[in-house]
């Protein structure tokens, strides 16, 4: 069912490594701490602010920029303090990704720095042909059309021949409308076909092994 795919679009956080990773917890704490410092509140207040920003603007960063004056590089500075050694190498995933026909890209709302550090630790850096981050998207995140169009244009991707994997279902709606095969990696259920060219999977590795 993926025989016509020659471009593989991979989210990073909670997709190439699981949501229960210690790195995911560090990311959450880093974002909340940054919001708390910028808005001069505690972590409980930061959680509510983050929820409002994400609901209204797609990401905390974009919301903070549009409603305030924070510099994006200052906001993303917490990534430089993350301990990436908590990620375990993923040789099995590396082997499966390497065997995929065509090109493989990471499409993330994080920064290229974050992606590069995580990919290196996972042992996946040699498997990836390019990274499209929040800065490449001019700070417009998934799921907005401006971000998707910029990503597709940057790498010359034909949607009908591409499959996109993401842990957030909202990020897959527009790609599916554009003709991409989409796989929602939600960590909870076995692989299941939801509709034509739409799938749900417990994890990326298991889905690829079963369907390639």
Protein backbone atom coordinates (compact mmCIF):
# COMPACT_ATOMS: atom_id res chain seq x y z
CA UNK A 1 0.00 0.00 0.00
CA UNK A 2 3.05 2.28 0.16
CA UNK A 3 4.53 1.05 -3.11
CA UNK A 4 3.99 4.42 -4.81
CA UNK A 5 5.81 6.40 -2.10
CA UNK A 6 9.26 7.83 -2.81
CA UNK A 7 9.35 10.65 -0.24
CA UNK A 8 9.13 10.02 3.51
CA UNK A 9 8.26 12.98 5.74
CA UNK A 10 9.03 12.38 9.41
CA UNK A 11 8.14 14.42 12.45
CA UNK A 12 10.85 14.40 15.12
CA UNK A 13 9.55 14.66 18.68
CA UNK A 14 7.30 11.79 19.79
CA UNK A 15 7.67 10.18 16.35
CA UNK A 16 11.32 9.34 15.70
CA UNK A 17 11.66 8.84 19.44
CA UNK A 18 8.77 7.96 21.79
CA UNK A 19 6.67 10.39 23.82
CA UNK A 20 7.75 8.72 27.07
CA UNK A 21 11.39 9.60 26.42
CA UNK A 22 13.14 11.66 29.06
CA UNK A 23 13.99 14.14 26.31
CA UNK A 24 10.29 14.83 25.75
CA UNK A 25 9.95 15.67 29.43
CA UNK A 26 12.94 18.00 29.20
CA UNK A 27 11.41 19.76 26.20
CA UNK A 28 8.17 20.35 28.05
CA UNK A 29 9.97 21.70 31.09
CA UNK A 30 12.19 23.92 28.94
CA UNK A 31 9.25 25.47 27.11
CA UNK A 32 7.29 26.03 30.32
CA UNK A 33 10.29 27.53 32.09
CA UNK A 34 10.90 29.91 29.19
CA UNK A 35 7.24 30.97 29.16
CA UNK A 36 7.23 31.38 32.92
CA UNK A 37 10.28 33.65 32.79
CA UNK A 38 8.98 35.71 29.86
CA UNK A 39 5.48 36.21 31.27
CA UNK A 40 6.69 36.43 34.87
CA UNK A 41 4.56 33.64 36.22
CA UNK A 42 4.99 30.22 37.84
CA UNK A 43 4.91 26.87 36.05
CA UNK A 44 1.17 26.45 36.65
CA UNK A 45 0.52 29.81 35.04
CA UNK A 46 2.92 28.96 32.23
CA UNK A 47 0.94 25.79 31.44
CA UNK A 48 -2.23 27.80 30.95
CA UNK A 49 -0.43 30.42 28.86
CA UNK A 50 1.15 27.71 26.72
CA UNK A 51 -2.22 26.05 26.14
CA UNK A 52 -3.70 29.38 25.06
CA UNK A 53 -0.78 30.18 22.76
CA UNK A 54 -0.83 26.77 21.08
CA UNK A 55 -4.61 26.90 20.63
CA UNK A 56 -4.48 30.36 19.10
CA UNK A 57 -1.24 30.35 17.14
CA UNK A 58 -0.09 26.77 16.59
CA UNK A 59 3.03 26.90 18.77
CA UNK A 60 4.11 28.65 21.96
CA UNK A 61 6.88 30.45 20.07
CA UNK A 62 4.65 31.88 17.37
CA UNK A 63 2.08 32.95 19.92
CA UNK A 64 4.68 34.64 22.12
CA UNK A 65 6.08 36.50 19.12
CA UNK A 66 2.70 37.66 17.81
CA UNK A 67 1.40 38.73 21.21
CA UNK A 68 4.69 40.00 22.61
CA UNK A 69 8.25 40.90 21.75
CA UNK A 70 10.24 37.75 22.49
CA UNK A 71 13.14 36.99 20.17
CA UNK A 72 12.78 33.50 18.63
CA UNK A 73 16.42 32.66 19.26
CA UNK A 74 16.02 33.60 22.92
CA UNK A 75 12.91 31.45 23.15
CA UNK A 76 14.68 28.45 21.62
CA UNK A 77 17.75 28.93 23.80
CA UNK A 78 16.57 26.27 26.25
CA UNK A 79 17.36 23.62 23.61
CA UNK A 80 21.07 24.29 24.14
CA UNK A 81 20.68 23.12 27.73
CA UNK A 82 18.95 19.82 26.97
CA UNK A 83 20.68 16.55 27.81
CA UNK A 84 20.43 14.55 24.58
CA UNK A 85 22.31 11.61 26.10
CA UNK A 86 19.00 10.38 27.52
CA UNK A 87 18.03 9.21 24.00
CA UNK A 88 18.94 5.63 23.21
CA UNK A 89 20.41 4.87 19.76
CA UNK A 90 17.89 3.27 17.40
CA UNK A 91 19.82 0.94 15.06
CA UNK A 92 16.71 -1.02 14.05
CA UNK A 93 14.95 2.17 13.00
CA UNK A 94 18.07 3.34 11.18
CA UNK A 95 18.16 0.12 9.17
CA UNK A 96 14.49 0.38 8.20
CA UNK A 97 14.75 4.05 7.24
CA UNK A 98 17.88 3.43 5.19
CA UNK A 99 16.06 0.73 3.25
CA UNK A 100 13.16 3.01 2.30
CA UNK A 101 13.10 3.91 -1.41
CA UNK A 102 13.60 7.58 -2.24
CA UNK A 103 14.19 10.55 0.03
CA UNK A 104 13.68 11.00 3.77
CA UNK A 105 13.08 14.38 5.43
CA UNK A 106 12.47 15.59 8.97
CA UNK A 107 9.71 18.21 9.16
CA UNK A 108 9.60 19.70 12.66
CA UNK A 109 8.24 22.65 14.60
CA UNK A 110 11.48 22.59 16.59
CA UNK A 111 14.82 24.01 15.50
CA UNK A 112 17.38 22.47 13.19
CA UNK A 113 19.82 22.43 16.12
CA UNK A 114 17.42 20.32 18.15
CA UNK A 115 16.80 17.99 15.22
CA UNK A 116 20.50 17.56 14.51
CA UNK A 117 21.32 16.74 18.13
CA UNK A 118 18.47 14.23 18.44
CA UNK A 119 19.17 12.58 15.09
CA UNK A 120 22.84 12.21 15.92
CA UNK A 121 22.06 10.58 19.25
CA UNK A 122 19.52 8.25 17.65
CA UNK A 123 22.05 7.32 14.98
CA UNK A 124 19.71 8.51 12.24
CA UNK A 125 21.64 11.47 10.85
CA UNK A 126 22.92 9.44 7.89
CA UNK A 127 19.37 8.30 7.07
CA UNK A 128 17.96 11.81 6.57
CA UNK A 129 18.29 13.86 3.39
CA UNK A 130 17.20 17.18 4.88
CA UNK A 131 15.62 18.96 7.84
CA UNK A 132 12.91 21.62 7.63
CA UNK A 133 12.57 23.44 10.94
CA UNK A 134 10.50 26.28 12.40
CA UNK A 135 13.06 28.87 11.26
CA UNK A 136 13.03 27.56 7.68
CA UNK A 137 9.27 28.03 7.81
CA UNK A 138 9.77 31.66 8.85
CA UNK A 139 8.32 30.78 12.26
CA UNK A 140 5.02 29.60 10.79
CA UNK A 141 4.50 26.08 12.19
CA UNK A 142 2.64 22.98 11.18
CA UNK A 143 -0.34 22.70 10.61
CA UNK A 144 -0.55 26.02 8.69
CA UNK A 145 -0.58 26.01 4.89
CA UNK A 146 2.28 28.50 4.67
CA UNK A 147 4.54 26.05 6.49
CA UNK A 148 3.52 23.05 4.40
CA UNK A 149 3.85 24.94 1.12
CA UNK A 150 7.31 26.18 2.09
CA UNK A 151 8.37 22.65 3.02
CA UNK A 152 7.06 21.08 -0.18
CA UNK A 153 8.64 23.83 -2.27
CA UNK A 154 12.02 23.65 -0.53
CA UNK A 155 12.51 20.00 -1.44
CA UNK A 156 10.39 19.76 -4.60
CA UNK A 157 8.02 17.19 -3.11
CA UNK A 158 5.09 15.76 -5.06
CA UNK A 159 2.37 15.19 -2.42
CA UNK A 160 0.84 12.18 -4.18
CA UNK A 161 4.17 10.34 -3.86
CA UNK A 162 4.86 11.31 -0.24
CA UNK A 163 3.97 9.78 3.14
CA UNK A 164 3.96 11.92 6.28
CA UNK A 165 4.27 10.59 9.84
CA UNK A 166 3.36 12.76 12.84
CA UNK A 167 2.19 12.26 16.43
CA UNK A 168 -0.35 15.10 16.15
CA UNK A 169 -3.40 14.32 14.05
CA UNK A 170 -4.03 18.02 13.40
CA UNK A 171 -0.70 18.26 11.56
CA UNK A 172 -1.81 15.59 9.08
CA UNK A 173 -5.16 16.99 7.95
CA UNK A 174 -3.84 19.45 5.36
CA UNK A 175 -1.15 17.10 3.97
CA UNK A 176 -3.89 14.49 3.44
CA UNK A 177 -6.05 17.06 1.66
CA UNK A 178 -3.09 17.78 -0.61
CA UNK A 179 -2.86 14.11 -1.56
CA UNK A 180 -0.21 12.80 0.83
CA UNK A 181 -0.47 9.45 2.56
CA UNK A 182 -0.57 10.19 6.29
CA UNK A 183 0.22 8.07 9.33
CA UNK A 184 -0.78 9.28 12.78
CA UNK A 185 1.77 7.84 15.23
CA UNK A 186 -0.16 8.01 18.50
CA UNK A 187 1.58 5.38 20.60
CA UNK A 188 -1.64 3.73 21.75
CA UNK A 189 -3.19 1.42 19.18
CA UNK A 190 -2.07 -1.10 16.56
CA UNK A 191 -1.85 -0.04 12.95
CA UNK A 192 -5.27 0.72 11.54
CA UNK A 193 -6.51 2.11 8.25
CA UNK A 194 -8.72 5.13 8.94
CA UNK A 195 -9.57 6.05 5.34
CA UNK A 196 -8.02 6.07 1.88
CA UNK A 197 -4.32 6.95 2.36
CA UNK A 198 -4.88 7.58 6.09
CA UNK A 199 -3.43 5.35 8.80
CA UNK A 200 -2.96 5.25 12.53
CA UNK A 201 -0.02 3.42 14.11
CA UNK A 202 1.33 2.72 17.56
CA UNK A 203 4.91 3.49 16.52
CA UNK A 204 6.91 4.36 13.44
CA UNK A 205 9.22 1.33 13.41
CA UNK A 206 6.44 -1.19 13.81
CA UNK A 207 4.36 0.40 11.08
CA UNK A 208 7.23 0.52 8.58
CA UNK A 209 8.23 -3.06 9.29
CA UNK A 210 4.66 -4.24 8.71
CA UNK A 211 3.93 -2.24 5.61
CA UNK A 212 7.12 -1.86 3.57
